[in-house]
Structures are given as structure tokens and as C-alpha cells.
Amino acid sequence: MNIIKCKNYILKIPRNIFQTWETKDISDGFKTLTQSWKNNNPNYAYFLLDDNERRMFIKKNFGDFDVIF
């Protein structure tokens, strides 16, 4: 976790990488790119969300509203 010190408090930023795609069935080229993110950021958790998972994540973390893409 990254820690940023501000005047009287500490802000903790989780080491997470989120990427989204329509499905979990991704091309070899995209797999190469996602692997580069993992390789270059070994201390980060990596998440690939498909359409449904992305909508559920937004609803859970940012409230119940229509998402427009």
C-alpha cells in the first residue's frame, strides 16, 4: 500500500490495478499487455473485470445508478 503523508493525516492508497473488458475471453495481444502490467508492478493486485463484474463493482462501491458506456 502506498502511503502519502499530508499535514495531520496519512492517506493510504491500495496497490490495485483494475482493467475492464467486455468478456474474460481476451486476445493474445491483450494478454501480453496485461501480463506486462503484472510484471512491472509485482507489488500490486491485478483485477480484470468483464462487463457484468464492472457494473457490480460500480454499484457496490459508488451507488446504484445507471452506468452509461
C-alpha atoms as a PDB file:
ATOM      1  CA  MET A   1       0.000   0.000   0.000  1.00  0.00           C
ATOM      2  CA  ASN A   2       1.307   3.446  -0.890  1.00  0.00           C
ATOM      3  CA  ILE A   3       1.281   5.909   1.983  1.00  0.00           C
ATOM      4  CA  ILE A   4       1.024   9.630   1.360  1.00  0.00           C
ATOM      5  CA  LYS A   5       1.654  11.884   4.337  1.00  0.00           C
ATOM      6  CA  CYS A   6      -0.469  15.009   4.425  1.00  0.00           C
ATOM      7  CA  LYS A   7      -0.295  17.644   7.180  1.00  0.00           C
ATOM      8  CA  ASN A   8      -2.125  15.851  10.009  1.00  0.00           C
ATOM      9  CA  TYR A   9      -3.185  12.561   8.451  1.00  0.00           C
ATOM     10  CA  ILE A  10      -1.930   9.671   6.371  1.00  0.00           C
ATOM     11  CA  LEU A  11      -3.726   8.716   3.162  1.00  0.00           C
ATOM     12  CA  LYS A  12      -3.398   5.048   2.257  1.00  0.00           C
ATOM     13  CA  ILE A  13      -3.795   4.169  -1.400  1.00  0.00           C
ATOM     14  CA  PRO A  14      -4.296   0.448  -2.115  1.00  0.00           C
ATOM     15  CA  ARG A  15      -1.947  -1.086  -4.660  1.00  0.00           C
ATOM     16  CA  ASN A  16      -4.558  -2.322  -7.089  1.00  0.00           C
ATOM     17  CA  ILE A  17      -4.711  -2.311 -10.869  1.00  0.00           C
ATOM     18  CA  PHE A  18      -8.186  -2.599 -12.377  1.00  0.00           C
ATOM     19  CA  GLN A  19      -8.742  -3.209 -16.076  1.00  0.00           C
ATOM     20  CA  THR A  20     -12.035  -3.906 -17.793  1.00  0.00           C
ATOM     21  CA  TRP A  21     -13.005  -5.692 -20.967  1.00  0.00           C
ATOM     22  CA  GLU A  22     -16.290  -6.876 -22.411  1.00  0.00           C
ATOM     23  CA  THR A  23     -15.532 -10.530 -21.597  1.00  0.00           C
ATOM     24  CA  LYS A  24     -12.825 -12.630 -19.970  1.00  0.00           C
ATOM     25  CA  ASP A  25     -12.099 -14.068 -23.428  1.00  0.00           C
ATOM     26  CA  ILE A  26      -9.269 -11.715 -24.403  1.00  0.00           C
ATOM     27  CA  SER A  27      -6.918 -11.818 -27.366  1.00  0.00           C
ATOM     28  CA  ASP A  28      -3.299 -12.942 -27.121  1.00  0.00           C
ATOM     29  CA  GLY A  29      -2.183  -9.354 -27.711  1.00  0.00           C
ATOM     30  CA  PHE A  30      -4.280  -8.127 -24.798  1.00  0.00           C
ATOM     31  CA  LYS A  31      -2.987 -10.979 -22.623  1.00  0.00           C
ATOM     32  CA  THR A  32       0.568  -9.819 -23.373  1.00  0.00           C
ATOM     33  CA  LEU A  33      -0.313  -6.277 -22.322  1.00  0.00           C
ATOM     34  CA  THR A  34      -1.997  -7.370 -19.099  1.00  0.00           C
ATOM     35  CA  GLN A  35       0.971  -9.562 -18.258  1.00  0.00           C
ATOM     36  CA  SER A  36       3.277  -6.563 -18.698  1.00  0.00           C
ATOM     37  CA  TRP A  37       1.230  -4.664 -16.082  1.00  0.00           C
ATOM     38  CA  LYS A  38       1.635  -7.575 -13.673  1.00  0.00           C
ATOM     39  CA  ASN A  39       5.358  -7.963 -14.378  1.00  0.00           C
ATOM     40  CA  ASN A  40       6.075  -4.253 -13.993  1.00  0.00           C
ATOM     41  CA  ASN A  41       4.002  -3.916 -10.814  1.00  0.00           C
ATOM     42  CA  PRO A  42       4.703  -7.056  -8.759  1.00  0.00           C
ATOM     43  CA  ASN A  43       3.506  -5.480  -5.507  1.00  0.00           C
ATOM     44  CA  TYR A  44       0.078  -4.663  -6.914  1.00  0.00           C
ATOM     45  CA  ALA A  45      -3.038  -6.810  -7.047  1.00  0.00           C
ATOM     46  CA  TYR A  46      -4.375  -7.104 -10.605  1.00  0.00           C
ATOM     47  CA  PHE A  47      -8.065  -7.374 -11.481  1.00  0.00           C
ATOM     48  CA  LEU A  48      -9.616  -7.905 -14.911  1.00  0.00           C
ATOM     49  CA  LEU A  49     -13.348  -7.227 -14.807  1.00  0.00           C
ATOM     50  CA  ASP A  50     -15.800  -8.195 -17.537  1.00  0.00           C
ATOM     51  CA  ASP A  51     -18.931  -6.119 -18.283  1.00  0.00           C
ATOM     52  CA  ASN A  52     -21.038  -7.716 -15.562  1.00  0.00           C
ATOM     53  CA  GLU A  53     -18.290  -7.578 -12.918  1.00  0.00           C
ATOM     54  CA  ARG A  54     -17.589  -3.932 -13.783  1.00  0.00           C
ATOM     55  CA  ARG A  55     -21.245  -2.992 -13.310  1.00  0.00           C
ATOM     56  CA  MET A  56     -21.405  -4.871  -9.994  1.00  0.00           C
ATOM     57  CA  PHE A  57     -18.185  -3.183  -8.801  1.00  0.00           C
ATOM     58  CA  ILE A  58     -19.521   0.282  -9.648  1.00  0.00           C
ATOM     59  CA  LYS A  59     -22.864  -0.436  -7.998  1.00  0.00           C
ATOM     60  CA  LYS A  60     -21.210  -1.813  -4.841  1.00  0.00           C
ATOM     61  CA  ASN A  61     -18.628   0.965  -4.479  1.00  0.00           C
ATOM     62  CA  PHE A  62     -20.321   4.022  -5.965  1.00  0.00           C
ATOM     63  CA  GLY A  63     -24.040   3.517  -5.504  1.00  0.00           C
ATOM     64  CA  ASP A  64     -26.998   2.409  -7.513  1.00  0.00           C
ATOM     65  CA  PHE A  65     -27.190   4.408 -10.721  1.00  0.00           C
ATOM     66  CA  ASP A  66     -27.382   3.694 -14.410  1.00  0.00           C
ATOM     67  CA  VAL A  67     -23.965   3.373 -15.982  1.00  0.00           C
ATOM     68  CA  ILE A  68     -23.667   4.801 -19.484  1.00  0.00           C
ATOM     69  CA  PHE A  69     -20.892   3.488 -21.728  1.00  0.00           C
END
